[in-house]
Each structure stands twice: as structure tokens, then as C-alpha cells.
N, C-alpha and C. Protein backbone atom coordinates (compact mmCIF):
# COMPACT_ATOMS: atom_id res chain seq x y z
N MET A 1 52.21 84.54 -0.51
CA MET A 1 52.65 85.91 -0.49
C MET A 1 53.99 86.06 -1.25
N TYR A 2 54.89 85.09 -1.02
CA TYR A 2 56.19 85.14 -1.69
C TYR A 2 56.01 85.05 -3.21
N LEU A 3 55.18 84.12 -3.66
CA LEU A 3 54.96 83.94 -5.09
C LEU A 3 54.32 85.17 -5.70
N SER A 4 53.34 85.76 -5.03
CA SER A 4 52.71 86.98 -5.54
C SER A 4 53.73 88.10 -5.69
N SER A 5 54.60 88.24 -4.71
CA SER A 5 55.63 89.25 -4.77
C SER A 5 56.59 88.98 -5.93
N LEU A 6 57.01 87.75 -6.06
CA LEU A 6 57.91 87.36 -7.14
C LEU A 6 57.29 87.64 -8.51
N LEU A 7 56.01 87.32 -8.65
CA LEU A 7 55.34 87.50 -9.94
C LEU A 7 55.04 88.96 -10.25
N SER A 8 55.16 89.84 -9.27
CA SER A 8 54.93 91.26 -9.52
C SER A 8 56.13 91.93 -10.19
N THR A 9 57.26 91.26 -10.23
CA THR A 9 58.45 91.81 -10.86
C THR A 9 58.26 91.87 -12.37
N LYS A 10 58.55 93.02 -12.93
CA LYS A 10 58.48 93.19 -14.38
C LYS A 10 59.85 92.84 -14.97
N VAL A 11 59.89 91.76 -15.73
CA VAL A 11 61.15 91.33 -16.32
C VAL A 11 61.30 91.99 -17.68
N SER A 12 62.31 92.84 -17.80
CA SER A 12 62.63 93.51 -19.06
C SER A 12 64.00 94.14 -18.90
N PRO A 13 64.69 94.38 -20.00
CA PRO A 13 66.01 95.01 -19.88
C PRO A 13 65.96 96.37 -19.19
N GLY A 14 64.82 97.07 -19.27
CA GLY A 14 64.71 98.37 -18.64
C GLY A 14 64.36 98.29 -17.17
N ASN A 15 64.02 97.11 -16.66
CA ASN A 15 63.65 96.99 -15.26
C ASN A 15 64.48 95.91 -14.58
N TYR A 16 64.10 94.65 -14.72
CA TYR A 16 64.82 93.57 -14.07
C TYR A 16 65.19 92.51 -15.10
N PRO A 17 66.39 92.06 -15.16
CA PRO A 17 67.50 92.43 -14.30
C PRO A 17 68.20 93.72 -14.74
N GLY A 18 67.97 94.13 -15.95
CA GLY A 18 68.63 95.31 -16.49
C GLY A 18 69.37 94.94 -17.76
N ASP A 19 69.92 95.94 -18.41
CA ASP A 19 70.65 95.68 -19.64
C ASP A 19 72.14 95.52 -19.32
N MET A 20 72.90 95.20 -20.33
CA MET A 20 74.35 95.06 -20.16
C MET A 20 75.03 95.66 -21.36
N THR A 21 76.30 95.89 -21.20
CA THR A 21 77.10 96.44 -22.28
C THR A 21 78.30 95.51 -22.49
N PRO A 22 78.77 95.38 -23.72
CA PRO A 22 79.93 94.52 -23.97
C PRO A 22 81.18 95.06 -23.27
N SER A 23 82.07 94.15 -22.93
CA SER A 23 83.32 94.52 -22.28
C SER A 23 84.44 93.67 -22.86
N ASN A 24 85.62 94.25 -22.93
CA ASN A 24 86.79 93.49 -23.36
C ASN A 24 87.36 92.64 -22.23
N ASN A 25 86.87 92.84 -21.03
CA ASN A 25 87.33 92.11 -19.86
C ASN A 25 86.38 90.95 -19.55
N TRP A 26 86.94 89.87 -19.01
CA TRP A 26 86.14 88.71 -18.63
C TRP A 26 85.12 89.14 -17.60
N PRO A 27 83.91 88.74 -17.69
CA PRO A 27 83.25 87.76 -18.56
C PRO A 27 82.65 88.36 -19.83
N ASN A 28 83.23 89.44 -20.31
CA ASN A 28 82.89 90.09 -21.57
C ASN A 28 81.57 90.86 -21.56
N VAL A 29 81.04 91.13 -20.37
CA VAL A 29 79.88 92.01 -20.22
C VAL A 29 80.13 92.92 -19.01
N ALA A 30 79.47 94.07 -19.04
CA ALA A 30 79.55 95.02 -17.94
C ALA A 30 78.16 95.60 -17.71
N PRO A 31 77.94 96.24 -16.58
CA PRO A 31 76.63 96.82 -16.32
C PRO A 31 76.24 97.81 -17.42
N GLY A 32 74.97 97.80 -17.74
CA GLY A 32 74.44 98.74 -18.71
C GLY A 32 73.97 100.02 -18.04
N THR A 33 72.99 100.67 -18.65
CA THR A 33 72.51 101.96 -18.14
C THR A 33 71.10 101.90 -17.60
N HIS A 34 70.43 100.76 -17.70
CA HIS A 34 69.06 100.63 -17.23
C HIS A 34 68.90 99.39 -16.36
N GLY A 35 67.93 99.44 -15.45
CA GLY A 35 67.56 98.25 -14.71
C GLY A 35 67.98 98.24 -13.26
N VAL A 36 67.23 97.46 -12.49
CA VAL A 36 67.40 97.37 -11.05
C VAL A 36 68.81 96.89 -10.67
N ASN A 37 69.25 95.80 -11.24
CA ASN A 37 70.55 95.25 -10.84
C ASN A 37 71.70 96.20 -11.14
N ASN A 38 71.59 96.97 -12.20
CA ASN A 38 72.66 97.90 -12.53
C ASN A 38 72.80 99.02 -11.51
N THR A 39 71.74 99.34 -10.78
CA THR A 39 71.83 100.42 -9.79
C THR A 39 72.78 100.05 -8.66
N PHE A 40 73.03 98.76 -8.45
CA PHE A 40 73.93 98.31 -7.38
C PHE A 40 75.37 98.14 -7.85
N SER A 41 75.61 98.40 -9.12
CA SER A 41 76.94 98.24 -9.67
C SER A 41 77.88 99.33 -9.15
N PRO A 42 79.14 98.99 -8.91
CA PRO A 42 80.11 100.03 -8.52
C PRO A 42 80.23 101.13 -9.57
N ARG A 43 79.77 100.85 -10.79
CA ARG A 43 79.77 101.89 -11.83
C ARG A 43 78.92 103.08 -11.39
N TYR A 44 77.87 102.81 -10.61
CA TYR A 44 76.94 103.86 -10.20
C TYR A 44 76.88 104.08 -8.69
N LEU A 45 77.31 103.12 -7.90
CA LEU A 45 77.11 103.19 -6.46
C LEU A 45 78.35 102.74 -5.72
N ASN A 46 78.87 103.62 -4.87
CA ASN A 46 80.00 103.27 -4.02
C ASN A 46 79.47 103.16 -2.60
N GLN A 47 79.12 101.96 -2.17
CA GLN A 47 78.56 101.77 -0.85
C GLN A 47 79.58 101.94 0.26
N GLY A 48 80.85 101.88 -0.08
CA GLY A 48 81.89 102.07 0.92
C GLY A 48 81.86 103.47 1.52
N ASN A 49 81.35 104.45 0.78
CA ASN A 49 81.26 105.81 1.30
C ASN A 49 80.27 105.92 2.46
N PHE A 50 79.37 104.95 2.61
CA PHE A 50 78.39 104.99 3.69
C PHE A 50 79.07 105.10 5.05
N ALA A 51 80.18 104.45 5.21
CA ALA A 51 80.88 104.45 6.50
C ALA A 51 81.33 105.83 6.94
N SER A 52 81.42 106.76 5.99
CA SER A 52 81.95 108.09 6.29
C SER A 52 80.88 109.19 6.30
N ILE A 53 79.61 108.84 6.21
CA ILE A 53 78.59 109.89 6.22
C ILE A 53 78.63 110.62 7.56
N SER A 54 78.30 111.90 7.53
CA SER A 54 78.42 112.69 8.76
C SER A 54 77.27 112.41 9.73
N LEU A 55 76.05 112.34 9.26
CA LEU A 55 74.92 111.99 10.11
C LEU A 55 74.87 110.47 10.17
N LYS A 56 74.90 109.89 11.36
CA LYS A 56 75.03 108.44 11.50
C LYS A 56 73.81 107.83 12.19
N PRO A 57 72.75 107.57 11.43
CA PRO A 57 71.60 106.91 12.05
C PRO A 57 71.94 105.47 12.42
N PRO A 58 71.29 104.93 13.44
CA PRO A 58 71.52 103.53 13.79
C PRO A 58 71.02 102.61 12.68
N VAL A 59 71.78 101.60 12.38
CA VAL A 59 71.47 100.68 11.27
C VAL A 59 71.01 99.33 11.82
N LEU A 60 69.95 98.83 11.25
CA LEU A 60 69.48 97.47 11.54
C LEU A 60 69.65 96.66 10.26
N TRP A 61 70.52 95.65 10.30
CA TRP A 61 70.75 94.79 9.14
C TRP A 61 70.12 93.44 9.44
N ILE A 62 69.05 93.15 8.73
CA ILE A 62 68.35 91.87 8.87
C ILE A 62 68.60 91.08 7.60
N HIS A 63 69.07 89.84 7.76
CA HIS A 63 69.27 89.01 6.56
C HIS A 63 69.05 87.54 6.91
N GLY A 64 68.74 86.78 5.87
CA GLY A 64 68.49 85.37 6.04
C GLY A 64 69.77 84.55 6.06
N ALA A 65 69.82 83.58 6.95
CA ALA A 65 71.00 82.70 7.05
C ALA A 65 71.19 81.87 5.79
N ASP A 66 70.10 81.61 5.07
CA ASP A 66 70.17 80.74 3.90
C ASP A 66 70.07 81.50 2.59
N ASP A 67 70.38 82.79 2.60
CA ASP A 67 70.31 83.62 1.39
C ASP A 67 71.31 83.10 0.36
N GLN A 68 70.83 82.72 -0.79
CA GLN A 68 71.70 82.22 -1.85
C GLN A 68 72.09 83.31 -2.85
N ILE A 69 71.50 84.50 -2.70
CA ILE A 69 71.77 85.61 -3.63
C ILE A 69 72.80 86.55 -3.03
N VAL A 70 72.52 87.08 -1.84
CA VAL A 70 73.50 87.90 -1.12
C VAL A 70 74.21 86.94 -0.18
N SER A 71 75.41 86.56 -0.60
CA SER A 71 76.13 85.48 0.06
C SER A 71 77.61 85.63 -0.26
N ASP A 72 78.45 85.07 0.56
CA ASP A 72 79.88 85.03 0.24
C ASP A 72 80.19 83.96 -0.80
N THR A 73 79.21 83.10 -1.08
CA THR A 73 79.37 82.02 -2.07
C THR A 73 78.14 81.97 -2.98
N SER A 74 77.79 83.12 -3.53
CA SER A 74 76.59 83.23 -4.36
C SER A 74 76.80 82.59 -5.73
N LEU A 75 75.83 81.79 -6.12
CA LEU A 75 75.88 81.18 -7.46
C LEU A 75 75.45 82.16 -8.54
N LEU A 76 75.23 83.42 -8.18
CA LEU A 76 74.98 84.48 -9.16
C LEU A 76 76.23 85.34 -9.37
N ASP A 77 77.30 85.01 -8.69
CA ASP A 77 78.56 85.75 -8.77
C ASP A 77 79.49 85.07 -9.76
N PHE A 78 79.79 85.77 -10.85
CA PHE A 78 80.65 85.17 -11.89
C PHE A 78 82.03 84.81 -11.35
N GLY A 79 82.54 85.59 -10.40
CA GLY A 79 83.84 85.25 -9.80
C GLY A 79 83.78 83.93 -9.05
N PHE A 80 82.72 83.72 -8.30
CA PHE A 80 82.57 82.46 -7.56
C PHE A 80 82.32 81.30 -8.54
N LEU A 81 81.46 81.54 -9.54
CA LEU A 81 81.20 80.49 -10.53
C LEU A 81 82.47 80.14 -11.31
N GLY A 82 83.26 81.15 -11.63
CA GLY A 82 84.52 80.89 -12.32
C GLY A 82 85.46 80.06 -11.47
N GLN A 83 85.54 80.40 -10.20
CA GLN A 83 86.39 79.65 -9.27
C GLN A 83 85.96 78.19 -9.19
N LEU A 84 84.64 77.95 -9.29
CA LEU A 84 84.13 76.57 -9.27
C LEU A 84 84.34 75.84 -10.59
N GLY A 85 84.76 76.57 -11.62
CA GLY A 85 84.92 75.97 -12.94
C GLY A 85 83.63 75.92 -13.73
N ALA A 86 82.59 76.60 -13.26
CA ALA A 86 81.28 76.57 -13.93
C ALA A 86 81.18 77.57 -15.08
N VAL A 87 82.08 78.54 -15.11
CA VAL A 87 82.09 79.52 -16.21
C VAL A 87 83.48 79.46 -16.84
N PRO A 88 83.54 79.09 -18.11
CA PRO A 88 84.84 78.94 -18.77
C PRO A 88 85.61 80.25 -18.89
N GLY A 89 86.91 80.13 -18.86
CA GLY A 89 87.78 81.26 -19.12
C GLY A 89 88.04 82.15 -17.92
N TRP A 90 87.65 81.72 -16.72
CA TRP A 90 87.88 82.53 -15.54
C TRP A 90 89.37 82.88 -15.44
N PRO A 91 89.70 84.17 -15.34
CA PRO A 91 91.11 84.57 -15.35
C PRO A 91 91.82 84.43 -14.01
N GLY A 92 91.12 83.98 -12.98
CA GLY A 92 91.73 83.78 -11.66
C GLY A 92 91.34 84.88 -10.68
N ALA A 93 91.58 84.59 -9.41
CA ALA A 93 91.16 85.49 -8.34
C ALA A 93 91.91 86.82 -8.37
N GLU A 94 93.11 86.86 -8.93
CA GLU A 94 93.85 88.12 -9.00
C GLU A 94 93.16 89.11 -9.92
N VAL A 95 92.50 88.61 -10.95
CA VAL A 95 91.83 89.46 -11.94
C VAL A 95 90.34 89.61 -11.65
N TYR A 96 89.68 88.53 -11.28
CA TYR A 96 88.23 88.53 -11.08
C TYR A 96 87.89 87.67 -9.86
N PRO A 97 88.13 88.21 -8.66
CA PRO A 97 87.89 87.40 -7.46
C PRO A 97 86.40 87.22 -7.18
N PRO A 98 86.06 86.16 -6.47
CA PRO A 98 84.69 86.04 -5.98
C PRO A 98 84.37 87.22 -5.07
N GLN A 99 83.11 87.61 -5.03
CA GLN A 99 82.70 88.74 -4.21
C GLN A 99 82.07 88.23 -2.90
N PRO A 100 82.75 88.39 -1.78
CA PRO A 100 82.19 87.97 -0.50
C PRO A 100 81.21 89.02 0.02
N MET A 101 79.97 88.98 -0.49
CA MET A 101 79.01 90.06 -0.27
C MET A 101 78.72 90.35 1.20
N LYS A 102 78.45 89.33 1.99
CA LYS A 102 78.14 89.57 3.40
C LYS A 102 79.38 90.06 4.16
N THR A 103 80.52 89.52 3.85
CA THR A 103 81.77 89.96 4.49
C THR A 103 82.06 91.42 4.14
N GLN A 104 81.81 91.79 2.88
CA GLN A 104 82.04 93.17 2.46
C GLN A 104 81.09 94.13 3.19
N LEU A 105 79.82 93.76 3.26
CA LEU A 105 78.85 94.61 3.94
C LEU A 105 79.20 94.75 5.42
N ARG A 106 79.56 93.65 6.03
CA ARG A 106 79.95 93.69 7.44
C ARG A 106 81.18 94.59 7.64
N ALA A 107 82.12 94.57 6.72
CA ALA A 107 83.31 95.43 6.81
C ALA A 107 82.93 96.90 6.73
N VAL A 108 82.00 97.25 5.86
CA VAL A 108 81.53 98.64 5.76
C VAL A 108 80.85 99.04 7.06
N LEU A 109 80.02 98.15 7.61
CA LEU A 109 79.32 98.47 8.86
C LEU A 109 80.29 98.57 10.04
N GLU A 110 81.33 97.77 10.05
CA GLU A 110 82.34 97.88 11.11
C GLU A 110 83.10 99.20 10.99
N LYS A 111 83.38 99.62 9.76
CA LYS A 111 84.03 100.92 9.57
C LYS A 111 83.08 102.04 9.99
N TYR A 112 81.80 101.90 9.68
CA TYR A 112 80.77 102.85 10.10
C TYR A 112 80.78 102.96 11.63
N LYS A 113 80.83 101.81 12.29
CA LYS A 113 80.88 101.77 13.76
C LYS A 113 82.15 102.44 14.29
N ALA A 114 83.29 102.16 13.66
CA ALA A 114 84.56 102.77 14.07
C ALA A 114 84.53 104.29 13.89
N ASN A 115 83.71 104.76 12.95
CA ASN A 115 83.57 106.19 12.69
C ASN A 115 82.47 106.84 13.54
N GLY A 116 81.95 106.11 14.53
CA GLY A 116 80.98 106.68 15.44
C GLY A 116 79.54 106.23 15.24
N GLY A 117 79.28 105.42 14.22
CA GLY A 117 77.93 104.91 13.99
C GLY A 117 77.68 103.66 14.81
N GLN A 118 76.47 103.13 14.68
CA GLN A 118 76.16 101.86 15.33
C GLN A 118 75.29 101.03 14.41
N TYR A 119 75.43 99.73 14.53
CA TYR A 119 74.58 98.84 13.76
C TYR A 119 74.28 97.60 14.59
N HIS A 120 73.18 96.99 14.22
CA HIS A 120 72.78 95.74 14.85
C HIS A 120 72.46 94.75 13.73
N GLU A 121 73.13 93.63 13.73
CA GLU A 121 72.94 92.60 12.70
C GLU A 121 72.09 91.47 13.27
N VAL A 122 71.05 91.11 12.52
CA VAL A 122 70.19 90.00 12.91
C VAL A 122 70.15 89.01 11.74
N VAL A 123 70.57 87.78 12.00
CA VAL A 123 70.54 86.71 11.00
C VAL A 123 69.36 85.80 11.36
N LEU A 124 68.40 85.71 10.44
CA LEU A 124 67.23 84.88 10.67
C LEU A 124 67.46 83.47 10.13
N SER A 125 67.34 82.48 10.99
CA SER A 125 67.52 81.09 10.55
C SER A 125 66.33 80.64 9.71
N ASP A 126 66.56 79.61 8.93
CA ASP A 126 65.52 79.08 8.03
C ASP A 126 64.91 80.18 7.18
N CYS A 127 65.76 81.05 6.66
CA CYS A 127 65.30 82.21 5.89
C CYS A 127 66.29 82.47 4.77
N GLY A 128 65.76 82.77 3.60
CA GLY A 128 66.59 83.04 2.44
C GLY A 128 66.74 84.52 2.15
N HIS A 129 66.50 84.89 0.91
CA HIS A 129 66.78 86.24 0.41
C HIS A 129 65.73 87.28 0.80
N SER A 130 64.56 86.85 1.24
CA SER A 130 63.46 87.80 1.45
C SER A 130 62.89 87.72 2.85
N PRO A 131 63.65 88.11 3.86
CA PRO A 131 63.16 88.03 5.24
C PRO A 131 61.83 88.75 5.45
N HIS A 132 61.64 89.86 4.75
CA HIS A 132 60.41 90.63 4.92
C HIS A 132 59.18 89.86 4.43
N ILE A 133 59.39 88.84 3.64
CA ILE A 133 58.30 87.99 3.16
C ILE A 133 58.30 86.67 3.90
N GLU A 134 59.48 86.05 4.02
CA GLU A 134 59.58 84.73 4.63
C GLU A 134 59.36 84.74 6.14
N LYS A 135 59.78 85.79 6.79
CA LYS A 135 59.70 85.91 8.26
C LYS A 135 59.06 87.26 8.61
N GLN A 136 57.92 87.51 7.99
CA GLN A 136 57.29 88.83 8.09
C GLN A 136 57.06 89.28 9.53
N GLY A 137 56.53 88.40 10.38
CA GLY A 137 56.28 88.76 11.77
C GLY A 137 57.55 89.14 12.51
N SER A 138 58.59 88.35 12.33
CA SER A 138 59.87 88.64 12.99
C SER A 138 60.45 89.97 12.52
N VAL A 139 60.39 90.20 11.22
CA VAL A 139 60.94 91.44 10.67
C VAL A 139 60.16 92.65 11.18
N CYS A 140 58.84 92.56 11.19
CA CYS A 140 58.03 93.66 11.72
C CYS A 140 58.38 93.96 13.17
N GLU A 141 58.54 92.92 13.96
CA GLU A 141 58.89 93.09 15.37
C GLU A 141 60.28 93.72 15.53
N LEU A 142 61.23 93.24 14.75
CA LEU A 142 62.59 93.78 14.83
C LEU A 142 62.63 95.26 14.43
N VAL A 143 61.95 95.59 13.34
CA VAL A 143 61.93 96.99 12.88
C VAL A 143 61.21 97.87 13.91
N HIS A 144 60.08 97.39 14.40
CA HIS A 144 59.33 98.13 15.41
C HIS A 144 60.19 98.40 16.64
N ASP A 145 60.85 97.37 17.15
CA ASP A 145 61.71 97.52 18.32
C ASP A 145 62.87 98.47 18.05
N HIS A 146 63.43 98.38 16.85
CA HIS A 146 64.54 99.26 16.47
C HIS A 146 64.10 100.73 16.46
N ILE A 147 62.93 100.97 15.90
CA ILE A 147 62.41 102.35 15.85
C ILE A 147 62.13 102.86 17.27
N LEU A 148 61.50 102.05 18.08
CA LEU A 148 61.21 102.48 19.46
C LEU A 148 62.50 102.77 20.24
N LYS A 149 63.49 101.92 20.04
CA LYS A 149 64.75 102.08 20.77
C LYS A 149 65.49 103.35 20.37
N HIS A 150 65.33 103.76 19.11
CA HIS A 150 66.13 104.87 18.58
C HIS A 150 65.32 106.13 18.27
N SER A 151 64.10 106.22 18.81
CA SER A 151 63.31 107.42 18.51
C SER A 151 63.17 108.29 19.74
């Protein structure tokens, strides 16, 4: 099932991962105007605003403990790779810090909670980036229970 899902992705600059545009700043590229990955760029999306939405539905955050993509130490993060010395010319954490993705998301959810919202975080062990595929039964049960609890 995982392989079928992976192979269904259309790889092209217009879809995945997306295009890029040159930048004068390290690492000399910036998000482009097309593609899935670019939709998550701060150029187009400020997820921090989520904490301040007026209608506050309950949030269920399910993620894999072994996720190598959404991680505080992701090997897809140029800031983290630069810090490791794997990408030449890293200008340092003051200019291009590693992105602690899970810590950042948790901070937004904590601010959401402080603003009157609620969230429940579930970390699935022995699970990577795709809990809905890797732990399908558990995810279905968690989502089902979440809906029943909040409907």
C-alpha cells in the first residue's frame, strides 16, 4: 500500500516537489510559484496565524516517532544539513538556522490552546512520515474516536 501511494505521486516541477527561483541568499534558491512543497513555504503560508483563529475546532495531531521528513533534525532541511557540514557555505545559525519542525508545530498548538483551543498529540511508535499508511488501523481508530468525542 505504501509503495502504491508513493508511486502515485506525479514528479514534475508543476507538482512535486515544485519549482524554485534563484536567490542571492544562501542556499541560493527560494520557493517558486508551482508545486506541492512550495505551498508550505512561508512565502505563501503563515501557519502561526492558526493559533489566533476565532473558531477553534479541536485538533488531533498524529505523527510518527520515526518521521525523518517532519523532524527537528530533518535531513531535508538545508539549515540542519549546513550545521552538519553537509552543505558547503552554510552562513551559520544566526542567518540560516535549522528548522525544528515538530517543536515549531507544538509551539503553535500550545499558543492555540492558550487562546482557548484544544489539541491532542499522538506519537505513533515504529512509524515514519505516513501514519495513515504505516499504521492505518491505529489512525482510523484515533480519528474515529476524536470525531465521536467532539461531535
